[in-house]
């Protein structure tokens, strides 16, 4: 290697270094562009995921409200079933009381009929008694006069 060749070799070295550096800068720019694309894609995906999360939260709240309502309805259904049993028992009791009332009304009707018959008989007996009293009074008046 000669001294007069050094500037040319240095220029060649600098040119090679510049080419390598340009290539590395170009690759770095490509890498940054790819990273930016990836970042943009990740942000889009993240935004989509946030939208999905919001939708899932709304659906969850809706389902929770539905479950709460269903739970309330189940409780009401249980109460309705219990109340229907009570109602059936009350209806059966009303039926028994109605039958007992019918029996009592029949007995009352029979008793009233007997009372009317007895009253009529008593009236007849009183009339006979009064007539007999009159006859006795007439007979006394005839015997005593």
Protein backbone atom coordinates (compact mmCIF):
# COMPACT_ATOMS: atom_id res chain seq x y z
CA UNK A 1 0.00 0.00 0.00
CA UNK A 2 1.35 3.30 -1.05
CA UNK A 3 0.75 6.66 0.44
CA UNK A 4 -0.64 8.22 -2.72
CA UNK A 5 -3.22 5.41 -2.80
CA UNK A 6 -4.45 6.31 0.66
CA UNK A 7 -6.77 9.16 -0.36
CA UNK A 8 -8.42 6.97 -2.98
CA UNK A 9 -8.71 4.09 -0.53
CA UNK A 10 -10.05 6.52 2.08
CA UNK A 11 -12.62 7.81 -0.44
CA UNK A 12 -13.53 4.23 -1.32
CA UNK A 13 -13.84 3.43 2.39
CA UNK A 14 -15.99 6.52 3.00
CA UNK A 15 -18.15 5.67 -0.04
CA UNK A 16 -18.56 2.10 1.21
CA UNK A 17 -19.34 3.40 4.71
CA UNK A 18 -21.82 5.89 3.20
CA UNK A 19 -23.46 3.11 1.19
CA UNK A 20 -23.68 0.90 4.26
CA UNK A 21 -24.94 3.81 6.34
CA UNK A 22 -27.49 4.77 3.64
CA UNK A 23 -28.59 1.15 3.46
CA UNK A 24 -28.93 0.97 7.29
CA UNK A 25 -30.83 4.31 7.33
CA UNK A 26 -33.10 3.02 4.57
CA UNK A 27 -33.67 -0.21 6.50
CA UNK A 28 -34.28 1.78 9.70
CA UNK A 29 -36.79 3.99 7.84
CA UNK A 30 -38.50 0.88 6.53
CA UNK A 31 -38.49 -0.56 10.05
CA UNK A 32 -39.93 2.71 11.45
CA UNK A 33 -42.59 2.76 8.71
CA UNK A 34 -43.45 -0.88 9.46
CA UNK A 35 -43.52 -0.07 13.18
CA UNK A 36 -45.78 2.91 12.48
CA UNK A 37 -48.04 0.69 10.40
CA UNK A 38 -48.00 -1.88 13.18
CA UNK A 39 -48.70 0.85 15.74
CA UNK A 40 -51.60 2.15 13.63
CA UNK A 41 -52.93 -1.36 13.23
CA UNK A 42 -52.56 -1.95 16.98
CA UNK A 43 -54.39 1.32 17.72
CA UNK A 44 -57.17 0.34 15.33
CA UNK A 45 -57.37 -3.09 16.96
CA UNK A 46 -57.32 -1.46 20.42
CA UNK A 47 -60.10 0.91 19.37
CA UNK A 48 -62.09 -2.04 18.03
CA UNK A 49 -61.49 -3.91 21.27
CA UNK A 50 -62.67 -0.88 23.29
CA UNK A 51 -65.81 -0.78 21.13
CA UNK A 52 -66.32 -4.51 21.69
CA UNK A 53 -65.74 -4.06 25.43
CA UNK A 54 -68.34 -1.26 25.54
CA UNK A 55 -70.78 -3.41 23.57
CA UNK A 56 -70.06 -6.39 25.85
CA UNK A 57 -70.62 -4.17 28.92
CA UNK A 58 -73.94 -2.98 27.52
CA UNK A 59 -74.96 -6.56 26.76
CA UNK A 60 -73.81 -7.65 30.21
CA UNK A 61 -75.85 -4.88 31.83
CA UNK A 62 -78.83 -5.85 29.69
CA UNK A 63 -78.43 -9.52 30.62
CA UNK A 64 -77.95 -8.58 34.27
CA UNK A 65 -81.16 -6.54 34.16
CA UNK A 66 -82.89 -9.45 32.45
CA UNK A 67 -81.58 -11.86 35.10
CA UNK A 68 -82.68 -9.49 37.86
CA UNK A 69 -86.11 -9.31 36.26
CA UNK A 70 -86.16 -13.08 35.80
CA UNK A 71 -85.16 -13.51 39.44
CA UNK A 72 -87.93 -11.14 40.46
CA UNK A 73 -90.36 -12.97 38.20
CA UNK A 74 -89.27 -16.29 39.65
CA UNK A 75 -89.91 -14.91 43.13
CA UNK A 76 -93.29 -13.61 42.01
CA UNK A 77 -94.04 -16.95 40.37
CA UNK A 78 -93.24 -18.68 43.65
CA UNK A 79 -95.50 -16.25 45.53
CA UNK A 80 -98.25 -16.71 42.94
CA UNK A 81 -97.99 -20.49 43.31
CA UNK A 82 -98.22 -20.18 47.11
CA UNK A 83 -101.15 -17.77 46.81
CA UNK A 84 -102.92 -20.12 44.38
CA UNK A 85 -102.60 -22.91 46.95
CA UNK A 86 -104.05 -20.60 49.61
CA UNK A 87 -106.84 -19.60 47.21
CA UNK A 88 -107.62 -23.26 46.49
CA UNK A 89 -107.75 -23.95 50.24
CA UNK A 90 -110.03 -20.94 50.75
CA UNK A 91 -112.28 -22.07 47.89
CA UNK A 92 -112.52 -25.53 49.46
CA UNK A 93 -113.34 -23.94 52.81
CA UNK A 94 -115.94 -21.67 51.14
CA UNK A 95 -117.43 -24.77 49.49
CA UNK A 96 -117.69 -26.51 52.88
CA UNK A 97 -119.20 -23.41 54.48
CA UNK A 98 -121.64 -23.06 51.57
CA UNK A 99 -122.70 -26.69 51.99
CA UNK A 100 -123.05 -26.20 55.76
CA UNK A 101 -125.08 -23.01 55.10
CA UNK A 102 -127.38 -24.93 52.76
CA UNK A 103 -127.89 -27.58 55.43
CA UNK A 104 -128.59 -24.92 58.06
CA UNK A 105 -130.96 -23.05 55.70
CA UNK A 106 -132.82 -26.29 55.03
CA UNK A 107 -133.03 -26.95 58.77
CA UNK A 108 -134.20 -23.36 59.31
CA UNK A 109 -136.79 -23.74 56.57
CA UNK A 110 -138.01 -27.00 58.11
CA UNK A 111 -138.06 -25.39 61.56
CA UNK A 112 -139.97 -22.35 60.22
CA UNK A 113 -142.44 -24.66 58.51
CA UNK A 114 -142.89 -26.57 61.77
CA UNK A 115 -143.23 -23.25 63.64
CA UNK A 116 -145.92 -22.07 61.22
CA UNK A 117 -147.68 -25.42 61.55
CA UNK A 118 -147.36 -25.26 65.34
CA UNK A 119 -148.60 -21.64 65.37
CA UNK A 120 -151.56 -22.62 63.21
CA UNK A 121 -152.28 -25.58 65.50
CA UNK A 122 -151.93 -23.36 68.56
CA UNK A 123 -154.30 -20.84 67.02
CA UNK A 124 -156.73 -23.64 66.34
CA UNK A 125 -156.33 -24.98 69.89
CA UNK A 126 -156.83 -21.46 71.27
CA UNK A 127 -159.94 -21.06 69.13
CA UNK A 128 -161.25 -24.43 70.37
CA UNK A 129 -160.32 -23.45 73.93
CA UNK A 130 -162.11 -20.10 73.58
CA UNK A 131 -165.14 -21.84 72.11
CA UNK A 132 -165.09 -24.37 74.92
CA UNK A 133 -164.79 -21.52 77.42
CA UNK A 134 -167.81 -19.87 75.84
CA UNK A 135 -169.72 -23.16 75.95
CA UNK A 136 -168.77 -23.67 79.58
CA UNK A 137 -169.81 -20.12 80.36
CA UNK A 138 -173.13 -20.68 78.59
CA UNK A 139 -173.64 -23.95 80.44
CA UNK A 140 -172.85 -22.29 83.78
CA UNK A 141 -175.19 -19.50 82.95
CA UNK A 142 -177.89 -22.04 82.19
CA UNK A 143 -177.20 -24.07 85.33
CA UNK A 144 -176.83 -21.15 87.58
CA UNK A 145 -179.88 -19.29 86.50
